[in-house]
PDB file of N, CA and C in Angstrom:
ATOM      1  N   UNK A   1      13.940   5.655  -9.395  1.00  0.00           N
ATOM      2  CA  UNK A   1      12.751   5.752  -8.945  1.00  0.00           C
ATOM      3  C   UNK A   1      13.489   6.647  -7.479  1.00  0.00           C
ATOM      4  N   UNK A   2      12.878   7.533  -7.154  1.00  0.00           N
ATOM      5  CA  UNK A   2      12.571   8.539  -6.209  1.00  0.00           C
ATOM      6  C   UNK A   2      12.456   7.904  -5.130  1.00  0.00           C
ATOM      7  N   UNK A   3      12.865   7.943  -3.879  1.00  0.00           N
ATOM      8  CA  UNK A   3      12.287   7.155  -2.515  1.00  0.00           C
ATOM      9  C   UNK A   3      11.012   7.612  -2.107  1.00  0.00           C
ATOM     10  N   UNK A   4      10.078   8.395  -2.414  1.00  0.00           N
ATOM     11  CA  UNK A   4       8.484   8.843  -2.888  1.00  0.00           C
ATOM     12  C   UNK A   4       7.723   8.015  -3.392  1.00  0.00           C
ATOM     13  N   UNK A   5       8.418   7.690  -4.861  1.00  0.00           N
ATOM     14  CA  UNK A   5       8.109   6.959  -5.592  1.00  0.00           C
ATOM     15  C   UNK A   5       7.917   4.861  -5.085  1.00  0.00           C
ATOM     16  N   UNK A   6       8.767   5.149  -4.466  1.00  0.00           N
ATOM     17  CA  UNK A   6       9.077   3.584  -4.062  1.00  0.00           C
ATOM     18  C   UNK A   6       8.466   3.420  -2.959  1.00  0.00           C
ATOM     19  N   UNK A   7       8.289   4.820  -1.534  1.00  0.00           N
ATOM     20  CA  UNK A   7       7.346   4.609  -0.814  1.00  0.00           C
ATOM     21  C   UNK A   7       5.640   4.048  -1.192  1.00  0.00           C
ATOM     22  N   UNK A   8       5.287   5.188  -2.257  1.00  0.00           N
ATOM     23  CA  UNK A   8       4.048   5.089  -2.829  1.00  0.00           C
ATOM     24  C   UNK A   8       4.119   3.223  -2.930  1.00  0.00           C
ATOM     25  N   UNK A   9       5.033   2.606  -3.657  1.00  0.00           N
ATOM     26  CA  UNK A   9       4.685   1.854  -4.403  1.00  0.00           C
ATOM     27  C   UNK A   9       4.198   0.533  -3.073  1.00  0.00           C
ATOM     28  N   UNK A  10       5.066   0.808  -2.015  1.00  0.00           N
ATOM     29  CA  UNK A  10       5.085  -0.065  -1.149  1.00  0.00           C
ATOM     30  C   UNK A  10       3.871  -0.213  -0.139  1.00  0.00           C
ATOM     31  N   UNK A  11       3.295   0.783   0.026  1.00  0.00           N
ATOM     32  CA  UNK A  11       2.222   1.671   0.533  1.00  0.00           C
ATOM     33  C   UNK A  11       0.536   1.156  -0.378  1.00  0.00           C
ATOM     34  N   UNK A  12       0.784   0.482  -1.683  1.00  0.00           N
ATOM     35  CA  UNK A  12      -0.206   0.448  -2.438  1.00  0.00           C
ATOM     36  C   UNK A  12      -0.118  -0.894  -2.386  1.00  0.00           C
ATOM     37  N   UNK A  13       0.935  -1.378  -2.025  1.00  0.00           N
ATOM     38  CA  UNK A  13       1.256  -3.242  -1.583  1.00  0.00           C
ATOM     39  C   UNK A  13       0.971  -3.871  -0.816  1.00  0.00           C
ATOM     40  N   UNK A  14       0.876  -2.831   0.471  1.00  0.00           N
ATOM     41  CA  UNK A  14       0.150  -2.985   1.825  1.00  0.00           C
ATOM     42  C   UNK A  14      -1.509  -3.192   2.360  1.00  0.00           C
ATOM     43  N   UNK A  15      -1.989  -4.031   2.361  1.00  0.00           N
ATOM     44  CA  UNK A  15      -3.330  -4.564   2.302  1.00  0.00           C
ATOM     45  C   UNK A  15      -3.628  -3.371   3.101  1.00  0.00           C
ATOM     46  N   UNK A  16      -3.398  -3.584   4.453  1.00  0.00           N
ATOM     47  CA  UNK A  16      -4.036  -2.308   5.233  1.00  0.00           C
ATOM     48  C   UNK A  16      -3.976  -0.988   4.889  1.00  0.00           C
ATOM     49  N   UNK A  17      -3.329  -0.330   4.179  1.00  0.00           N
ATOM     50  CA  UNK A  17      -2.578   0.996   3.843  1.00  0.00           C
ATOM     51  C   UNK A  17      -3.878   1.193   2.724  1.00  0.00           C
ATOM     52  N   UNK A  18      -5.134   2.546   2.670  1.00  0.00           N
ATOM     53  CA  UNK A  18      -5.980   2.306   2.387  1.00  0.00           C
ATOM     54  C   UNK A  18      -5.349   3.883   1.405  1.00  0.00           C
ATOM     55  N   UNK A  19      -5.884   3.499   0.572  1.00  0.00           N
ATOM     56  CA  UNK A  19      -5.826   4.409  -1.074  1.00  0.00           C
ATOM     57  C   UNK A  19      -5.780   6.577  -0.112  1.00  0.00           C
ATOM     58  N   UNK A  20      -6.935   6.639   1.182  1.00  0.00           N
ATOM     59  CA  UNK A  20      -6.805   7.862   1.533  1.00  0.00           C
ATOM     60  C   UNK A  20      -5.741   8.176   2.170  1.00  0.00           C
ATOM     61  N   UNK A  21      -4.869   6.864   2.830  1.00  0.00           N
ATOM     62  CA  UNK A  21      -3.548   7.796   3.523  1.00  0.00           C
ATOM     63  C   UNK A  21      -2.645   8.021   2.258  1.00  0.00           C
ATOM     64  N   UNK A  22      -2.692   7.302   1.046  1.00  0.00           N
ATOM     65  CA  UNK A  22      -1.839   7.689  -0.034  1.00  0.00           C
ATOM     66  C   UNK A  22      -2.180   9.026  -0.560  1.00  0.00           C
ATOM     67  N   UNK A  23      -3.209   9.418  -0.454  1.00  0.00           N
ATOM     68  CA  UNK A  23      -3.529  10.511  -0.968  1.00  0.00           C
ATOM     69  C   UNK A  23      -3.199  11.844   0.249  1.00  0.00           C
ATOM     70  N   UNK A  24      -3.755  11.147   1.304  1.00  0.00           N
ATOM     71  CA  UNK A  24      -3.125  12.372   2.665  1.00  0.00           C
ATOM     72  C   UNK A  24      -1.667  12.628   2.423  1.00  0.00           C
ATOM     73  N   UNK A  25      -0.740  11.766   2.192  1.00  0.00           N
ATOM     74  CA  UNK A  25       0.562  11.368   2.545  1.00  0.00           C
ATOM     75  C   UNK A  25       1.432  12.862   1.086  1.00  0.00           C
ATOM     76  N   UNK A  26       0.934  11.752  -0.160  1.00  0.00           N
ATOM     77  CA  UNK A  26       1.438  12.126  -1.345  1.00  0.00           C
ATOM     78  C   UNK A  26       0.268  12.875  -2.275  1.00  0.00           C
ATOM     79  N   UNK A  27      -0.333  13.510  -1.786  1.00  0.00           N
ATOM     80  CA  UNK A  27      -1.296  14.063  -2.907  1.00  0.00           C
ATOM     81  C   UNK A  27      -1.873  13.285  -4.196  1.00  0.00           C
ATOM     82  N   UNK A  28      -2.139  11.704  -4.158  1.00  0.00           N
ATOM     83  CA  UNK A  28      -2.323  10.892  -4.652  1.00  0.00           C
ATOM     84  C   UNK A  28      -3.414  10.368  -4.997  1.00  0.00           C
ATOM     85  N   UNK A  29      -3.960  10.596  -5.894  1.00  0.00           N
ATOM     86  CA  UNK A  29      -5.477  10.126  -5.841  1.00  0.00           C
ATOM     87  C   UNK A  29      -5.535   8.387  -6.122  1.00  0.00           C
ATOM     88  N   UNK A  30      -6.476   7.605  -5.793  1.00  0.00           N
ATOM     89  CA  UNK A  30      -6.765   6.205  -5.822  1.00  0.00           C
ATOM     90  C   UNK A  30      -6.731   6.111  -7.718  1.00  0.00           C
ATOM     91  N   UNK A  31      -6.794   6.776  -8.979  1.00  0.00           N
ATOM     92  CA  UNK A  31      -6.507   6.602 -10.099  1.00  0.00           C
ATOM     93  C   UNK A  31      -5.077   7.143 -10.328  1.00  0.00           C
ATOM     94  N   UNK A  32      -4.709   8.264  -9.518  1.00  0.00           N
ATOM     95  CA  UNK A  32      -3.437   8.371  -9.765  1.00  0.00           C
ATOM     96  C   UNK A  32      -2.220   7.350  -9.511  1.00  0.00           C
ATOM     97  N   UNK A  33      -2.835   6.678  -8.154  1.00  0.00           N
ATOM     98  CA  UNK A  33      -1.968   5.570  -8.021  1.00  0.00           C
ATOM     99  C   UNK A  33      -1.430   4.256  -8.882  1.00  0.00           C
ATOM    100  N   UNK A  34      -2.866   4.122  -9.246  1.00  0.00           N
ATOM    101  CA  UNK A  34      -2.783   2.980 -10.723  1.00  0.00           C
ATOM    102  C   UNK A  34      -2.317   3.483 -11.247  1.00  0.00           C
ATOM    103  N   UNK A  35      -2.021   4.705 -11.975  1.00  0.00           N
ATOM    104  CA  UNK A  35      -1.385   5.373 -12.826  1.00  0.00           C
ATOM    105  C   UNK A  35       0.022   4.881 -12.549  1.00  0.00           C
ATOM    106  N   UNK A  36       0.420   5.253 -11.217  1.00  0.00           N
ATOM    107  CA  UNK A  36       2.183   5.068 -11.221  1.00  0.00           C
ATOM    108  C   UNK A  36       2.624   3.728 -10.699  1.00  0.00           C
ATOM    109  N   UNK A  37       1.613   2.703 -10.771  1.00  0.00           N
ATOM    110  CA  UNK A  37       1.656   1.200 -10.822  1.00  0.00           C
ATOM    111  C   UNK A  37       1.907   0.956 -11.753  1.00  0.00           C
ATOM    112  N   UNK A  38       1.016   1.262 -12.802  1.00  0.00           N
ATOM    113  CA  UNK A  38       1.314   0.840 -13.923  1.00  0.00           C
ATOM    114  C   UNK A  38       2.522   0.911 -15.077  1.00  0.00           C
ATOM    115  N   UNK A  39       2.638   2.470 -14.381  1.00  0.00           N
ATOM    116  CA  UNK A  39       4.496   2.915 -15.475  1.00  0.00           C
ATOM    117  C   UNK A  39       5.447   2.470 -14.079  1.00  0.00           C
ATOM    118  N   UNK A  40       5.269   1.827 -13.247  1.00  0.00           N
ATOM    119  CA  UNK A  40       6.689   1.966 -12.905  1.00  0.00           C
ATOM    120  C   UNK A  40       6.844  -0.107 -11.904  1.00  0.00           C
ATOM    121  N   UNK A  41       5.466  -0.824 -12.273  1.00  0.00           N
ATOM    122  CA  UNK A  41       5.925  -2.035 -12.475  1.00  0.00           C
ATOM    123  C   UNK A  41       5.920  -3.073 -13.625  1.00  0.00           C
ATOM    124  N   UNK A  42       6.203  -4.069 -13.816  1.00  0.00           N
ATOM    125  CA  UNK A  42       6.241  -4.901 -15.123  1.00  0.00           C
ATOM    126  C   UNK A  42       4.792  -4.759 -15.262  1.00  0.00           C
ATOM    127  N   UNK A  43       4.209  -5.126 -16.327  1.00  0.00           N
ATOM    128  CA  UNK A  43       3.368  -5.795 -16.376  1.00  0.00           C
ATOM    129  C   UNK A  43       2.725  -6.735 -15.752  1.00  0.00           C
ATOM    130  N   UNK A  44       2.742  -8.150 -15.623  1.00  0.00           N
ATOM    131  CA  UNK A  44       2.700  -9.339 -14.695  1.00  0.00           C
ATOM    132  C   UNK A  44       2.328  -8.596 -13.403  1.00  0.00           C
ATOM    133  N   UNK A  45       3.150  -8.160 -12.790  1.00  0.00           N
ATOM    134  CA  UNK A  45       3.592  -7.415 -11.267  1.00  0.00           C
ATOM    135  C   UNK A  45       2.232  -6.753 -11.085  1.00  0.00           C
ATOM    136  N   UNK A  46       2.117  -5.482 -12.348  1.00  0.00           N
ATOM    137  CA  UNK A  46       0.837  -4.551 -11.881  1.00  0.00           C
ATOM    138  C   UNK A  46      -0.524  -5.450 -12.214  1.00  0.00           C
ATOM    139  N   UNK A  47      -0.346  -6.475 -13.069  1.00  0.00           N
ATOM    140  CA  UNK A  47      -2.033  -7.169 -13.576  1.00  0.00           C
ATOM    141  C   UNK A  47      -2.046  -7.952 -11.985  1.00  0.00           C
ATOM    142  N   UNK A  48      -0.683  -8.495 -11.261  1.00  0.00           N
ATOM    143  CA  UNK A  48      -1.849  -9.093  -9.565  1.00  0.00           C
ATOM    144  C   UNK A  48      -1.358  -8.070  -9.237  1.00  0.00           C
ATOM    145  N   UNK A  49      -1.141  -6.837  -9.192  1.00  0.00           N
ATOM    146  CA  UNK A  49      -1.353  -6.120  -7.815  1.00  0.00           C
ATOM    147  C   UNK A  49      -3.044  -5.827  -8.069  1.00  0.00           C
ATOM    148  N   UNK A  50      -3.650  -5.364  -9.314  1.00  0.00           N
ATOM    149  CA  UNK A  50      -4.492  -4.811  -9.812  1.00  0.00           C
ATOM    150  C   UNK A  50      -5.422  -6.125  -9.026  1.00  0.00           C
ATOM    151  N   UNK A  51      -5.248  -7.075  -9.289  1.00  0.00           N
ATOM    152  CA  UNK A  51      -6.027  -8.087  -8.886  1.00  0.00           C
ATOM    153  C   UNK A  51      -6.271  -8.313  -7.510  1.00  0.00           C
ATOM    154  N   UNK A  52      -4.946  -8.169  -6.667  1.00  0.00           N
ATOM    155  CA  UNK A  52      -5.196  -8.115  -5.388  1.00  0.00           C
ATOM    156  C   UNK A  52      -6.146  -7.090  -4.675  1.00  0.00           C
ATOM    157  N   UNK A  53      -5.871  -5.711  -4.833  1.00  0.00           N
ATOM    158  CA  UNK A  53      -6.374  -4.578  -4.381  1.00  0.00           C
ATOM    159  C   UNK A  53      -7.818  -4.503  -4.730  1.00  0.00           C
ATOM    160  N   UNK A  54      -7.865  -4.926  -5.824  1.00  0.00           N
ATOM    161  CA  UNK A  54      -9.547  -4.847  -6.768  1.00  0.00           C
ATOM    162  C   UNK A  54     -10.555  -5.337  -5.664  1.00  0.00           C
ATOM    163  N   UNK A  55     -11.655  -4.742  -5.246  1.00  0.00           N
ATOM    164  CA  UNK A  55     -12.536  -5.019  -4.374  1.00  0.00           C
ATOM    165  C   UNK A  55     -12.109  -5.262  -3.121  1.00  0.00           C
ATOM    166  N   UNK A  56     -10.961  -4.837  -2.381  1.00  0.00           N
ATOM    167  CA  UNK A  56     -10.236  -4.967  -0.886  1.00  0.00           C
ATOM    168  C   UNK A  56     -11.058  -3.938  -0.146  1.00  0.00           C
ATOM    169  N   UNK A  57     -12.101  -4.132   0.452  1.00  0.00           N
ATOM    170  CA  UNK A  57     -12.391  -3.344   1.501  1.00  0.00           C
ATOM    171  C   UNK A  57     -11.274  -2.335   2.237  1.00  0.00           C
ATOM    172  N   UNK A  58     -10.184  -3.134   2.392  1.00  0.00           N
ATOM    173  CA  UNK A  58      -9.389  -2.394   3.584  1.00  0.00           C
ATOM    174  C   UNK A  58      -8.753  -1.338   2.887  1.00  0.00           C
ATOM    175  N   UNK A  59      -8.898  -1.017   1.269  1.00  0.00           N
ATOM    176  CA  UNK A  59      -8.096   0.070   0.240  1.00  0.00           C
ATOM    177  C   UNK A  59      -8.936   1.121   0.434  1.00  0.00           C
ATOM    178  N   UNK A  60      -9.990   0.874   1.312  1.00  0.00           N
ATOM    179  CA  UNK A  60     -10.791   2.219   0.851  1.00  0.00           C
ATOM    180  C   UNK A  60     -11.176   2.527   2.340  1.00  0.00           C
ATOM    181  N   UNK A  61     -10.852   3.837   3.009  1.00  0.00           N
ATOM    182  CA  UNK A  61     -11.554   3.803   4.749  1.00  0.00           C
ATOM    183  C   UNK A  61     -13.125   3.890   4.830  1.00  0.00           C
ATOM    184  N   UNK A  62     -14.006   4.261   3.522  1.00  0.00           N
ATOM    185  CA  UNK A  62     -15.610   4.190   3.618  1.00  0.00           C
ATOM    186  C   UNK A  62     -15.952   2.741   3.838  1.00  0.00           C
ATOM    187  N   UNK A  63     -15.685   1.865   3.531  1.00  0.00           N
ATOM    188  CA  UNK A  63     -15.784   0.349   3.505  1.00  0.00           C
ATOM    189  C   UNK A  63     -14.696  -0.650   3.959  1.00  0.00           C
ATOM    190  N   UNK A  64     -14.078   0.254   4.970  1.00  0.00           N
ATOM    191  CA  UNK A  64     -13.032  -0.791   5.994  1.00  0.00           C
ATOM    192  C   UNK A  64     -13.507  -0.870   7.738  1.00  0.00           C
ATOM    193  N   UNK A  65     -13.476  -2.025   8.071  1.00  0.00           N
ATOM    194  CA  UNK A  65     -14.484  -2.043   9.345  1.00  0.00           C
ATOM    195  C   UNK A  65     -13.535  -1.708  10.363  1.00  0.00           C
ATOM    196  N   UNK A  66     -14.724  -0.775  10.974  1.00  0.00           N
ATOM    197  CA  UNK A  66     -14.218   0.031  12.339  1.00  0.00           C
ATOM    198  C   UNK A  66     -13.067   0.018  13.219  1.00  0.00           C
ATOM    199  N   UNK A  67     -12.769  -1.179  13.325  1.00  0.00           N
ATOM    200  CA  UNK A  67     -12.043  -1.881  14.408  1.00  0.00           C
ATOM    201  C   UNK A  67     -11.090  -2.197  13.691  1.00  0.00           C
ATOM    202  N   UNK A  68     -10.400  -1.505  12.884  1.00  0.00           N
ATOM    203  CA  UNK A  68      -9.143  -1.568  12.200  1.00  0.00           C
ATOM    204  C   UNK A  68      -8.951   0.145  11.923  1.00  0.00           C
ATOM    205  N   UNK A  69      -8.167   0.288  13.186  1.00  0.00           N
ATOM    206  CA  UNK A  69      -7.334   1.895  13.434  1.00  0.00           C
ATOM    207  C   UNK A  69      -6.506   2.252  12.888  1.00  0.00           C
ATOM    208  N   UNK A  70      -5.294   1.351  12.313  1.00  0.00           N
ATOM    209  CA  UNK A  70      -4.029   1.673  12.037  1.00  0.00           C
ATOM    210  C   UNK A  70      -3.832   1.102  10.469  1.00  0.00           C
ATOM    211  N   UNK A  71      -2.734   1.262  10.349  1.00  0.00           N
ATOM    212  CA  UNK A  71      -2.606   0.975   8.448  1.00  0.00           C
ATOM    213  C   UNK A  71      -1.384   0.059   8.682  1.00  0.00           C
ATOM    214  N   UNK A  72      -1.163  -1.025   9.492  1.00  0.00           N
ATOM    215  CA  UNK A  72      -0.006  -2.015   9.012  1.00  0.00           C
ATOM    216  C   UNK A  72      -0.452  -2.873  10.696  1.00  0.00           C
ATOM    217  N   UNK A  73      -0.042  -3.947  10.367  1.00  0.00           N
ATOM    218  CA  UNK A  73      -0.158  -5.093  12.194  1.00  0.00           C
ATOM    219  C   UNK A  73       0.668  -4.730  12.771  1.00  0.00           C
ATOM    220  N   UNK A  74       0.655  -4.506  14.113  1.00  0.00           N
ATOM    221  CA  UNK A  74       1.012  -3.991  14.789  1.00  0.00           C
ATOM    222  C   UNK A  74       3.067  -4.810  15.226  1.00  0.00           C
ATOM    223  N   UNK A  75       2.847  -5.904  14.768  1.00  0.00           N
ATOM    224  CA  UNK A  75       4.219  -6.507  14.805  1.00  0.00           C
ATOM    225  C   UNK A  75       5.136  -6.212  13.629  1.00  0.00           C
ATOM    226  N   UNK A  76       4.348  -5.854  12.610  1.00  0.00           N
ATOM    227  CA  UNK A  76       5.378  -5.711  11.256  1.00  0.00           C
ATOM    228  C   UNK A  76       6.193  -4.996  11.079  1.00  0.00           C
ATOM    229  N   UNK A  77       6.872  -4.124  12.035  1.00  0.00           N
ATOM    230  CA  UNK A  77       8.031  -3.585  11.642  1.00  0.00           C
ATOM    231  C   UNK A  77       8.850  -3.368  13.220  1.00  0.00           C
ATOM    232  N   UNK A  78       8.345  -4.348  13.875  1.00  0.00           N
ATOM    233  CA  UNK A  78       9.501  -4.526  15.282  1.00  0.00           C
ATOM    234  C   UNK A  78      10.656  -5.484  14.469  1.00  0.00           C
ATOM    235  N   UNK A  79      11.693  -4.896  15.010  1.00  0.00           N
ATOM    236  CA  UNK A  79      13.174  -5.128  14.668  1.00  0.00           C
ATOM    237  C   UNK A  79      13.471  -6.294  15.677  1.00  0.00           C
ATOM    238  N   UNK A  80      14.265  -7.892  14.808  1.00  0.00           N
ATOM    239  CA  UNK A  80      13.714  -8.787  15.614  1.00  0.00           C
ATOM    240  C   UNK A  80      15.824  -8.829  16.041  1.00  0.00           C
ATOM    241  N   UNK A  81      16.278  -9.094  16.835  1.00  0.00           N
ATOM    242  CA  UNK A  81      17.280  -8.901  17.658  1.00  0.00           C
ATOM    243  C   UNK A  81      18.240 -10.100  16.796  1.00  0.00           C
ATOM    244  N   UNK A  82      19.360  -9.517  16.482  1.00  0.00           N
ATOM    245  CA  UNK A  82      20.273 -10.861  15.257  1.00  0.00           C
ATOM    246  C   UNK A  82      20.942 -12.136  16.680  1.00  0.00           C
ATOM    247  N   UNK A  83      20.473 -13.145  16.192  1.00  0.00           N
ATOM    248  CA  UNK A  83      20.762 -14.403  16.977  1.00  0.00           C
ATOM    249  C   UNK A  83      22.226 -14.975  16.735  1.00  0.00           C
ATOM    250  N   UNK A  84      22.822 -14.693  18.028  1.00  0.00           N
ATOM    251  CA  UNK A  84      24.494 -15.340  17.820  1.00  0.00           C
ATOM    252  C   UNK A  84      25.198 -14.388  16.802  1.00  0.00           C
ATOM    253  N   UNK A  85      24.696 -12.953  16.699  1.00  0.00           N
ATOM    254  CA  UNK A  85      26.145 -12.435  15.505  1.00  0.00           C
ATOM    255  C   UNK A  85      26.327 -10.933  15.937  1.00  0.00           C
TER     256      UNK A  85
END
């Protein structure tokens, strides 16, 4: 699996990353993301993902709460200091 495919899958699983962001960065529309996920995930994982994103308003900019202006939680990517290492 190439790095772009891995990143698209990661973005598709993230609740706050809209499909429009994936399309802007990788040129892959929502149906394209669905096909990519179907072909790269095991069937159970794909079903779980579809159940998770179906009807989720945060995955579409048009339905998103206007107060959400970023694609991820501000603490999501913070580096944590290794304690005692």
